[in-house]
Amino acid sequence: MYDDISKDLGAQGPAKPARRAPHWGGAIRSFLAEKSDTPGQPIPVSRLAQKAKLNEKNLHNIIAGRVRDPSSDKLVRIAEALGVSFSQLAARAMAEEAGNFHVCGYGDRGFVEYPQHGMSIQTFTPRARGHRDFFWGRMTIKAFHELRKWQFRENSTVGLFLETGTLEIVYGNKKHTLHANEAVYFDAGVPHKIKNIDSIEAKLFIVTSPSLF
């Protein structure tokens, strides 16, 4: 079923271009302003270049974004000169890249309905752009409907939060009951079956890692 959902959601539109990348220049600029003792006056690039023992012109090129992938040696020296760790610089660089912050509006969501299975699924996340992405969506299962056996790929995890209804989950050879306002997560490489054993529609949130599509 995971493969079916992935294929059907993927058919709803072209993938957005991948943009997950650190914006080193933006991160350096923000730290130059943040670390300055004079409000409104960032630390001069010339002073940072001298402290990091880098060519000033090369540093200007990094800050301006003309050098998209600086060497790790230079980045470590820049971080040390700014008085921060390399991981702090990298985290700030990811935050400075606008393409790393996603707002998924109603028009960006995918929706697939499977009347033959008594279920539907709606996405809250855009199409995956890398192995670190995850899938988040909302699923509904009609009253007393049992879904066929599911199994995701190896080294995958699925999390469910049940908003309404009551689910029976057969995981491997064991049977579990999930009540409203309860959550569960499990290794989705193990075969499992989900059934709504309630007289009302089950509404649940589903998260998968890696992403479904």
Protein backbone atom coordinates (compact mmCIF):
# COMPACT_ATOMS: atom_id res chain seq x y z
CA MET A 1 0.00 0.00 0.00
CA TYR A 2 2.90 2.38 0.69
CA ASP A 3 4.04 1.93 -2.91
CA ASP A 4 0.52 2.66 -4.20
CA ILE A 5 0.27 5.87 -2.17
CA SER A 6 3.74 6.94 -3.28
CA LYS A 7 2.92 6.36 -6.95
CA ASP A 8 -0.48 8.06 -6.79
CA LEU A 9 0.79 11.12 -4.93
CA GLY A 10 3.79 11.37 -7.22
CA ALA A 11 1.49 11.46 -10.24
CA GLN A 12 -0.28 14.58 -8.98
CA GLY A 13 2.41 17.05 -9.98
CA PRO A 14 6.06 17.64 -10.87
CA ALA A 15 8.69 17.65 -8.16
CA LYS A 16 9.81 21.01 -6.88
CA PRO A 17 13.51 21.73 -7.47
CA ALA A 18 15.80 20.63 -4.68
CA ARG A 19 17.24 23.60 -2.79
CA ARG A 20 18.38 22.18 0.51
CA ALA A 21 21.79 23.77 0.88
CA PRO A 22 23.67 25.90 3.40
CA HIS A 23 23.82 29.66 2.78
CA TRP A 24 27.30 30.25 4.20
CA GLY A 25 27.41 33.92 3.23
CA GLY A 26 24.17 34.71 5.01
CA ALA A 27 25.34 32.89 8.13
CA ILE A 28 28.65 34.76 8.22
CA ARG A 29 26.89 38.12 7.73
CA SER A 30 24.47 37.40 10.57
CA PHE A 31 27.30 36.45 12.95
CA LEU A 32 29.31 39.55 11.96
CA ALA A 33 26.33 41.66 13.02
CA GLU A 34 25.54 39.58 16.09
CA LYS A 35 29.09 39.51 17.46
CA SER A 36 29.73 43.23 16.97
CA ASP A 37 30.09 45.43 20.03
CA THR A 38 28.64 48.38 18.12
CA PRO A 39 24.89 48.10 17.37
CA GLY A 40 24.14 48.58 13.69
CA GLN A 41 27.79 48.18 12.68
CA PRO A 42 28.85 44.61 11.83
CA ILE A 43 32.42 43.49 12.42
CA PRO A 44 34.42 44.48 9.29
CA VAL A 45 35.12 41.65 6.88
CA SER A 46 38.76 42.74 6.84
CA ARG A 47 39.04 42.06 10.57
CA LEU A 48 37.43 38.62 10.20
CA ALA A 49 39.74 37.78 7.28
CA GLN A 50 42.77 38.75 9.35
CA LYS A 51 41.64 36.73 12.35
CA ALA A 52 40.76 33.67 10.23
CA LYS A 53 43.99 34.07 8.22
CA LEU A 54 42.09 34.15 4.93
CA ASN A 55 42.42 36.26 1.82
CA GLU A 56 39.96 39.16 2.23
CA LYS A 57 38.80 39.02 -1.41
CA ASN A 58 38.12 35.30 -1.11
CA LEU A 59 36.13 35.89 2.08
CA HIS A 60 34.08 38.60 0.35
CA ASN A 61 33.31 36.12 -2.43
CA ILE A 62 32.13 33.54 0.11
CA ILE A 63 29.90 36.09 1.84
CA ALA A 64 28.49 37.32 -1.48
CA GLY A 65 27.62 33.74 -2.47
CA ARG A 66 29.98 33.63 -5.42
CA VAL A 67 31.67 30.65 -3.74
CA ARG A 68 28.82 28.22 -3.03
CA ASP A 69 30.88 25.39 -1.54
CA PRO A 70 33.82 26.72 0.50
CA SER A 71 36.35 24.21 1.78
CA SER A 72 35.73 22.79 5.23
CA ASP A 73 39.12 24.10 6.36
CA LYS A 74 38.11 27.69 5.55
CA LEU A 75 34.72 27.29 7.17
CA VAL A 76 36.25 25.94 10.39
CA ARG A 77 38.68 28.88 10.50
CA ILE A 78 35.83 31.33 9.91
CA ALA A 79 33.77 29.75 12.68
CA GLU A 80 36.69 29.91 15.11
CA ALA A 81 37.33 33.54 14.20
CA LEU A 82 33.67 34.32 14.87
CA GLY A 83 33.83 32.56 18.23
CA VAL A 84 31.31 29.85 17.35
CA SER A 85 31.54 26.14 16.63
CA PHE A 86 31.43 24.80 13.09
CA SER A 87 28.11 23.09 13.87
CA GLN A 88 26.66 26.45 14.97
CA LEU A 89 27.84 28.04 11.73
CA ALA A 90 26.36 25.18 9.69
CA ALA A 91 23.03 25.35 11.52
CA ARG A 92 22.84 29.11 10.93
CA ALA A 93 23.74 28.57 7.27
CA MET A 94 20.83 26.14 6.83
CA ALA A 95 18.45 28.60 8.49
CA GLU A 96 19.64 31.46 6.25
CA GLU A 97 18.72 29.58 3.06
CA ALA A 98 15.10 30.48 2.35
CA GLY A 99 14.59 27.25 0.43
CA ASN A 100 15.05 25.24 3.62
CA PHE A 101 11.89 26.65 5.26
CA HIS A 102 8.68 25.25 3.79
CA VAL A 103 5.11 26.44 4.06
CA CYS A 104 2.79 23.82 2.61
CA GLY A 105 -0.50 25.54 1.82
CA TYR A 106 -3.74 23.86 0.84
CA GLY A 107 -2.92 24.17 -2.85
CA ASP A 108 0.41 22.34 -2.33
CA ARG A 109 -1.10 19.29 -0.65
CA GLY A 110 -1.68 15.99 -2.33
CA PHE A 111 -4.88 14.04 -1.79
CA VAL A 112 -5.67 10.46 -2.75
CA GLU A 113 -8.87 8.57 -2.05
CA TYR A 114 -9.20 4.78 -2.14
CA PRO A 115 -12.93 4.01 -1.97
CA GLN A 116 -12.24 0.33 -2.51
CA HIS A 117 -10.23 0.33 0.73
CA GLY A 118 -12.44 2.79 2.60
CA MET A 119 -9.57 5.19 3.18
CA SER A 120 -8.09 8.47 2.02
CA ILE A 121 -4.82 10.28 2.68
CA GLN A 122 -3.83 13.95 2.47
CA THR A 123 -0.25 15.25 2.60
CA PHE A 124 1.07 18.07 4.78
CA THR A 125 4.63 17.91 3.44
CA PRO A 126 6.03 18.64 -0.02
CA ARG A 127 7.66 15.99 -2.19
CA ALA A 128 10.88 14.66 -0.66
CA ARG A 129 14.16 16.21 -1.80
CA GLY A 130 16.62 14.06 0.12
CA HIS A 131 17.04 11.13 2.49
CA ARG A 132 16.49 13.34 5.54
CA ASP A 133 12.96 14.29 4.49
CA PHE A 134 9.91 12.68 6.04
CA PHE A 135 6.25 12.32 5.11
CA TRP A 136 3.45 13.78 7.21
CA GLY A 137 -0.19 13.41 6.33
CA ARG A 138 -3.71 12.82 7.55
CA MET A 139 -5.49 9.57 6.93
CA THR A 140 -9.14 8.53 7.31
CA ILE A 141 -10.47 4.98 7.52
CA LYS A 142 -14.18 4.25 7.31
CA ALA A 143 -15.98 2.49 10.15
CA PHE A 144 -15.21 -1.23 10.47
CA HIS A 145 -12.89 -1.19 7.43
CA GLU A 146 -9.76 -3.34 7.43
CA LEU A 147 -6.85 -2.33 5.23
CA ARG A 148 -4.84 -4.97 3.46
CA LYS A 149 -1.41 -5.92 4.79
CA TRP A 150 1.13 -3.08 4.61
CA GLN A 151 4.92 -3.20 4.53
CA PHE A 152 7.34 -0.34 3.89
CA ARG A 153 10.97 -0.58 2.89
CA GLU A 154 13.80 -1.74 5.18
CA ASN A 155 15.02 0.68 7.85
CA SER A 156 11.78 2.67 7.72
CA THR A 157 9.73 4.02 10.60
CA VAL A 158 6.04 4.91 10.75
CA GLY A 159 4.34 6.94 13.46
CA LEU A 160 0.56 7.18 13.93
CA PHE A 161 -1.48 9.52 16.11
CA LEU A 162 -5.14 8.56 16.35
CA GLU A 163 -7.49 11.52 16.64
CA THR A 164 -10.84 9.69 16.52
CA GLY A 165 -11.91 6.08 16.31
CA THR A 166 -10.31 2.86 17.53
CA LEU A 167 -7.71 0.92 15.57
CA GLU A 168 -6.64 -2.67 15.71
CA ILE A 169 -3.07 -3.06 14.48
CA VAL A 170 -1.69 -6.50 13.74
CA TYR A 171 2.08 -6.09 13.84
CA GLY A 172 3.93 -9.24 12.89
CA ASN A 173 1.90 -11.89 14.74
CA LYS A 174 0.76 -9.65 17.61
CA LYS A 175 -2.46 -7.68 17.87
CA HIS A 176 -2.58 -4.20 19.42
CA THR A 177 -5.41 -1.74 20.05
CA LEU A 178 -4.89 1.98 19.55
CA HIS A 179 -7.44 4.33 21.12
CA ALA A 180 -8.18 7.99 20.37
CA ASN A 181 -5.45 10.39 21.59
CA GLU A 182 -2.87 7.61 21.57
CA ALA A 183 0.21 7.44 19.38
CA VAL A 184 2.41 4.58 18.20
CA TYR A 185 5.51 4.21 16.11
CA PHE A 186 7.14 1.10 14.72
CA ASP A 187 9.59 -0.41 12.25
CA ALA A 188 7.51 -0.38 9.08
CA GLY A 189 9.67 -3.00 7.40
CA VAL A 190 7.70 -5.53 9.46
CA PRO A 191 4.37 -6.54 7.80
CA HIS A 192 1.35 -4.97 9.55
CA LYS A 193 -2.40 -4.59 9.11
CA ILE A 194 -4.64 -1.75 10.27
CA LYS A 195 -8.37 -2.02 10.96
CA ASN A 196 -10.87 0.51 12.22
CA ILE A 197 -12.88 -1.46 14.78
CA ASP A 198 -15.08 1.50 15.71
CA SER A 199 -18.50 2.58 14.44
CA ILE A 200 -17.14 6.03 13.53
CA GLU A 201 -14.59 7.12 10.95
CA ALA A 202 -11.00 6.86 12.17
CA LYS A 203 -8.99 10.04 11.67
CA LEU A 204 -5.27 9.79 12.20
CA PHE A 205 -2.00 11.54 11.44
CA ILE A 206 0.74 9.49 9.82
CA VAL A 207 4.48 10.23 9.68
CA THR A 208 6.95 8.11 7.74
CA SER A 209 10.72 8.16 7.51
CA PRO A 210 11.91 8.02 4.79
CA SER A 211 9.25 9.98 2.96
CA LEU A 212 6.53 8.19 1.01
CA PHE A 213 7.18 10.30 -2.10
